[in-house]
Amino acid sequence: MNGEKVAGWYNPGVALGAGLVLAALIFGWFYSSAKKGDEAITVTGSAKRRITSDLVVWSAGVSAQAPQLADSYRQLADSIPRIKQYLQSKGIPEDQMTVSAISTMTLKRRDSDGNETAEITGYSLTQQIEVRSNDVQKVAQVAREATELINQGILIESTPPKYYYTKIGDLKVEMLGEAAKDAKDRAEKIASSTGNSIGAVRSARMGVLQITAADSTDVSDYGVYDTSTIEKDMTAVVNVSFAVN
């Protein structure tokens, strides 16, 4: 009889049911706490702008070669003023030109095996003229036409112009704000698709700035800064982590 009382008091089914309820309550509490404290969503937002270069830097070199150093200098002394005059005739003011120092190389005879000897055969001198201007289109055109100087007997070597945008700092701040807004919009759409909403920002990290030729798909982990084109695309990226409610 005592055994029947004990069996009646200790019902395995009741104990199991109570245990399951308690386990469910504990699990629910932990799940709720983890959801509130740990659950987050991280998204990438971006913003792109088409920009037009407002600064051009263009260099042209002239060289002279003669058996005597003095003769090489005279050739350069004649060529540089003519180049400056040519550029001014195209509408480029003199204060936008910078003339570099002269670079001198001694030429020596080589023997039948191609080895350089001590015998001096002449001197080669080079000098650069750099143009820095905000009149981008004008300098770009002059750079294309500068080979006209060859017809005047001036051996000019023109390098491709480099085009820059000088207001990147100001535009960068504005675009990062747009990229952050894009990230928030993306996060809200993802969260709402699962019946949730986003909360406060947990963290935010700015990505590298990409300045590429217009419509280019080039990207780099270290960022791209194209200087070969006047029209460019500037892209800002941010990675933002939001709490999930």
Protein backbone atom coordinates (compact mmCIF):
# COMPACT_ATOMS: atom_id res chain seq x y z
CA MET A 1 0.00 0.00 0.00
CA ASN A 2 2.81 2.32 0.81
CA GLY A 3 4.21 1.52 -2.57
CA GLU A 4 0.91 2.49 -4.20
CA LYS A 5 0.93 5.84 -2.38
CA VAL A 6 4.43 6.58 -3.48
CA ALA A 7 3.61 5.65 -7.06
CA GLY A 8 0.53 7.85 -6.96
CA TRP A 9 2.48 10.80 -5.59
CA TYR A 10 5.43 10.45 -8.00
CA ASN A 11 3.79 10.32 -11.45
CA PRO A 12 6.47 10.14 -14.18
CA GLY A 13 4.17 11.74 -16.75
CA VAL A 14 3.49 14.75 -14.56
CA ALA A 15 7.19 15.18 -13.76
CA LEU A 16 8.12 14.99 -17.44
CA GLY A 17 5.49 17.53 -18.39
CA ALA A 18 6.60 19.94 -15.68
CA GLY A 19 10.20 19.54 -16.82
CA LEU A 20 9.32 20.33 -20.41
CA VAL A 21 7.38 23.44 -19.39
CA LEU A 22 10.28 24.65 -17.25
CA ALA A 23 12.79 23.95 -20.04
CA ALA A 24 10.61 25.85 -22.50
CA LEU A 25 10.42 28.83 -20.18
CA ILE A 26 14.19 28.86 -19.68
CA PHE A 27 14.85 28.48 -23.43
CA GLY A 28 12.36 31.25 -24.21
CA TRP A 29 14.03 33.57 -21.73
CA PHE A 30 17.49 32.91 -23.19
CA TYR A 31 16.22 33.29 -26.76
CA SER A 32 14.52 36.57 -25.91
CA SER A 33 17.66 37.87 -24.19
CA ALA A 34 19.92 36.83 -27.09
CA LYS A 35 17.58 38.39 -29.62
CA LYS A 36 17.50 41.67 -27.80
CA GLY A 37 21.19 41.83 -27.02
CA ASP A 38 23.02 40.07 -29.81
CA GLU A 39 21.00 39.93 -33.02
CA ALA A 40 22.17 42.39 -35.69
CA ILE A 41 22.24 42.88 -39.43
CA THR A 42 25.21 44.22 -41.39
CA VAL A 43 24.73 45.77 -44.82
CA THR A 44 26.78 47.69 -47.36
CA GLY A 45 25.53 50.99 -48.72
CA SER A 46 26.96 52.95 -51.63
CA ALA A 47 26.60 56.26 -53.43
CA LYS A 48 27.90 57.23 -56.87
CA ARG A 49 28.38 60.62 -58.53
CA ARG A 50 29.60 61.66 -61.97
CA ILE A 51 32.28 64.33 -61.55
CA THR A 52 34.16 66.50 -64.01
CA SER A 53 37.86 67.19 -63.51
CA ASP A 54 38.65 70.80 -62.60
CA LEU A 55 42.46 70.62 -62.75
CA VAL A 56 44.78 69.42 -65.48
CA VAL A 57 48.52 68.84 -65.25
CA TRP A 58 50.39 68.38 -68.51
CA SER A 59 54.11 68.07 -69.15
CA ALA A 60 56.08 68.38 -72.37
CA GLY A 61 59.77 67.73 -72.67
CA VAL A 62 62.31 69.02 -75.14
CA SER A 63 65.72 67.54 -75.77
CA ALA A 64 68.93 68.64 -77.51
CA GLN A 65 71.97 66.64 -78.42
CA ALA A 66 75.33 67.87 -79.72
CA PRO A 67 79.04 66.94 -79.58
CA GLN A 68 79.72 70.04 -77.50
CA LEU A 69 77.91 70.87 -74.26
CA ALA A 70 77.61 74.54 -75.17
CA ASP A 71 75.88 73.67 -78.43
CA SER A 72 73.31 71.53 -76.58
CA TYR A 73 72.59 74.40 -74.21
CA ARG A 74 72.10 76.79 -77.10
CA GLN A 75 69.56 74.45 -78.69
CA LEU A 76 67.55 74.27 -75.48
CA ALA A 77 67.85 78.00 -74.94
CA ASP A 78 66.27 78.45 -78.35
CA SER A 79 63.54 75.80 -77.97
CA ILE A 80 62.11 76.70 -74.55
CA PRO A 81 61.08 80.28 -75.42
CA ARG A 82 59.49 79.04 -78.64
CA ILE A 83 57.46 76.45 -76.77
CA LYS A 84 56.29 79.05 -74.27
CA GLN A 85 55.37 81.38 -77.10
CA TYR A 86 53.43 78.59 -78.79
CA LEU A 87 51.49 77.81 -75.60
CA GLN A 88 50.67 81.46 -75.06
CA SER A 89 49.40 81.72 -78.64
CA LYS A 90 46.98 78.91 -77.73
CA GLY A 91 45.64 80.86 -74.77
CA ILE A 92 47.71 79.43 -71.92
CA PRO A 93 49.10 82.23 -69.73
CA GLU A 94 52.76 82.14 -68.72
CA ASP A 95 51.94 81.97 -64.99
CA GLN A 96 50.46 78.51 -65.57
CA MET A 97 53.80 77.22 -66.91
CA THR A 98 56.71 75.90 -64.90
CA VAL A 99 60.08 75.20 -66.51
CA SER A 100 62.17 72.53 -64.84
CA ALA A 101 65.92 72.45 -64.36
CA ILE A 102 68.01 71.05 -67.19
CA SER A 103 68.97 67.40 -67.02
CA THR A 104 72.35 66.54 -68.57
CA MET A 105 73.59 63.16 -69.77
CA THR A 106 77.10 62.56 -71.09
CA LEU A 107 77.24 60.32 -74.16
CA LYS A 108 80.15 57.93 -74.52
CA ARG A 109 81.36 55.76 -77.35
CA ARG A 110 80.81 52.02 -77.13
CA ASP A 111 83.22 49.39 -78.38
CA SER A 112 82.42 46.53 -80.72
CA ASP A 113 81.10 44.47 -77.81
CA GLY A 114 78.71 47.21 -76.75
CA ASN A 115 80.66 48.21 -73.70
CA GLU A 116 80.87 51.89 -72.80
CA THR A 117 84.29 53.47 -73.15
CA ALA A 118 85.75 56.64 -71.60
CA GLU A 119 85.58 58.55 -74.89
CA ILE A 120 82.93 61.31 -74.81
CA THR A 121 80.97 61.63 -78.05
CA GLY A 122 78.48 64.30 -77.04
CA TYR A 123 75.92 65.60 -74.58
CA SER A 124 72.16 65.11 -74.34
CA LEU A 125 70.14 67.72 -72.47
CA THR A 126 66.45 67.61 -71.59
CA GLN A 127 64.09 70.10 -70.00
CA GLN A 128 60.42 69.93 -69.05
CA ILE A 129 57.63 72.48 -69.20
CA GLU A 130 54.69 71.71 -66.92
CA VAL A 131 51.28 73.33 -67.32
CA ARG A 132 48.83 73.39 -64.39
CA SER A 133 45.47 74.89 -65.21
CA ASN A 134 41.80 74.87 -64.30
CA ASP A 135 40.93 75.35 -67.97
CA VAL A 136 40.82 71.61 -68.52
CA GLN A 137 39.34 71.50 -72.00
CA LYS A 138 41.74 74.07 -73.41
CA VAL A 139 44.87 72.35 -72.12
CA ALA A 140 43.56 68.97 -73.28
CA GLN A 141 43.22 70.36 -76.79
CA VAL A 142 46.66 71.98 -76.73
CA ALA A 143 48.19 68.69 -75.58
CA ARG A 144 46.68 66.97 -78.61
CA GLU A 145 47.99 69.63 -80.99
CA ALA A 146 51.45 70.10 -79.47
CA THR A 147 53.06 67.87 -82.11
CA GLU A 148 52.76 70.90 -84.39
CA LEU A 149 56.01 72.02 -82.77
CA ILE A 150 57.83 69.14 -84.45
CA ASN A 151 57.10 70.80 -87.78
CA GLN A 152 58.91 73.85 -86.41
CA GLY A 153 62.02 71.76 -85.71
CA ILE A 154 61.42 71.37 -81.96
CA LEU A 155 61.74 67.76 -80.79
CA ILE A 156 59.01 67.88 -78.16
CA GLU A 157 57.85 64.83 -76.24
CA SER A 158 54.36 65.28 -74.87
CA THR A 159 53.05 63.15 -72.01
CA PRO A 160 49.32 62.40 -71.58
CA PRO A 161 47.61 65.06 -69.42
CA LYS A 162 46.54 64.08 -65.89
CA TYR A 163 43.09 65.16 -64.79
CA TYR A 164 42.12 65.75 -61.16
CA TYR A 165 39.08 66.77 -59.13
CA THR A 166 40.06 69.13 -56.33
CA LYS A 167 36.83 69.11 -54.28
CA ILE A 168 36.94 65.43 -53.31
CA GLY A 169 37.15 66.22 -49.58
CA ASP A 170 33.89 68.19 -49.53
CA LEU A 171 32.05 65.77 -51.78
CA LYS A 172 33.27 62.74 -49.85
CA VAL A 173 31.47 63.79 -46.65
CA GLU A 174 28.22 64.34 -48.54
CA MET A 175 28.46 61.02 -50.37
CA LEU A 176 29.22 59.05 -47.20
CA GLY A 177 25.95 60.39 -45.80
CA GLU A 178 24.14 59.16 -48.93
CA ALA A 179 25.84 55.78 -48.67
CA ALA A 180 24.80 55.46 -45.02
CA LYS A 181 21.20 56.24 -45.97
CA ASP A 182 21.38 53.59 -48.69
CA ALA A 183 22.65 51.10 -46.11
CA LYS A 184 19.74 51.93 -43.79
CA ASP A 185 17.21 51.47 -46.60
CA ARG A 186 18.70 48.08 -47.46
CA ALA A 187 18.68 46.98 -43.82
CA GLU A 188 15.05 48.01 -43.37
CA LYS A 189 13.97 45.99 -46.41
CA ILE A 190 15.84 42.90 -45.24
CA ALA A 191 14.52 43.17 -41.68
CA SER A 192 10.91 43.78 -42.76
CA SER A 193 10.99 40.69 -44.98
CA THR A 194 11.38 38.62 -41.79
CA GLY A 195 8.87 40.60 -39.74
CA ASN A 196 11.48 42.58 -37.82
CA SER A 197 12.68 46.14 -37.74
CA ILE A 198 16.11 47.71 -37.33
CA GLY A 199 17.29 49.57 -34.27
CA ALA A 200 20.32 51.63 -33.37
CA VAL A 201 23.57 51.57 -35.31
CA ARG A 202 26.01 49.11 -33.73
CA SER A 203 29.02 49.99 -35.89
CA ALA A 204 29.93 51.74 -39.13
CA ARG A 205 33.01 51.45 -41.28
CA MET A 206 33.91 53.51 -44.31
CA GLY A 207 35.15 51.64 -47.37
CA VAL A 208 37.81 52.87 -49.78
CA LEU A 209 36.91 55.59 -52.24
CA GLN A 210 36.84 54.60 -55.90
CA ILE A 211 37.38 57.29 -58.55
CA THR A 212 37.23 55.60 -61.91
CA ALA A 213 36.82 56.52 -65.53
CA ALA A 214 33.17 57.13 -66.40
CA ASP A 215 31.18 53.88 -66.58
CA SER A 216 34.24 51.82 -65.65
CA THR A 217 33.86 48.68 -63.54
CA ASP A 218 37.42 48.83 -62.16
CA VAL A 219 37.73 48.54 -58.39
CA SER A 220 40.60 47.96 -56.00
CA ASP A 221 40.93 46.98 -52.35
CA TYR A 222 43.15 50.03 -51.95
CA GLY A 223 40.95 52.37 -53.97
CA VAL A 224 41.24 53.66 -57.54
CA TYR A 225 42.09 57.20 -58.61
CA ASP A 226 41.86 57.57 -62.37
CA THR A 227 43.74 60.55 -63.82
CA SER A 228 43.44 59.66 -67.50
CA THR A 229 39.91 60.96 -68.14
CA ILE A 230 38.10 64.24 -67.64
CA GLU A 231 34.75 62.65 -66.76
CA LYS A 232 34.91 60.27 -63.79
CA ASP A 233 32.66 58.29 -61.47
CA MET A 234 33.19 58.68 -57.74
CA THR A 235 31.85 55.89 -55.52
CA ALA A 236 31.68 55.91 -51.72
CA VAL A 237 30.92 52.77 -49.69
CA VAL A 238 30.06 52.22 -46.01
CA ASN A 239 29.43 49.03 -44.03
CA VAL A 240 26.87 49.54 -41.26
CA SER A 241 25.68 47.13 -38.58
CA PHE A 242 22.18 47.71 -37.13
CA ALA A 243 20.51 46.14 -34.11
CA VAL A 244 17.42 44.06 -34.95
CA ASN A 245 14.21 44.64 -33.00
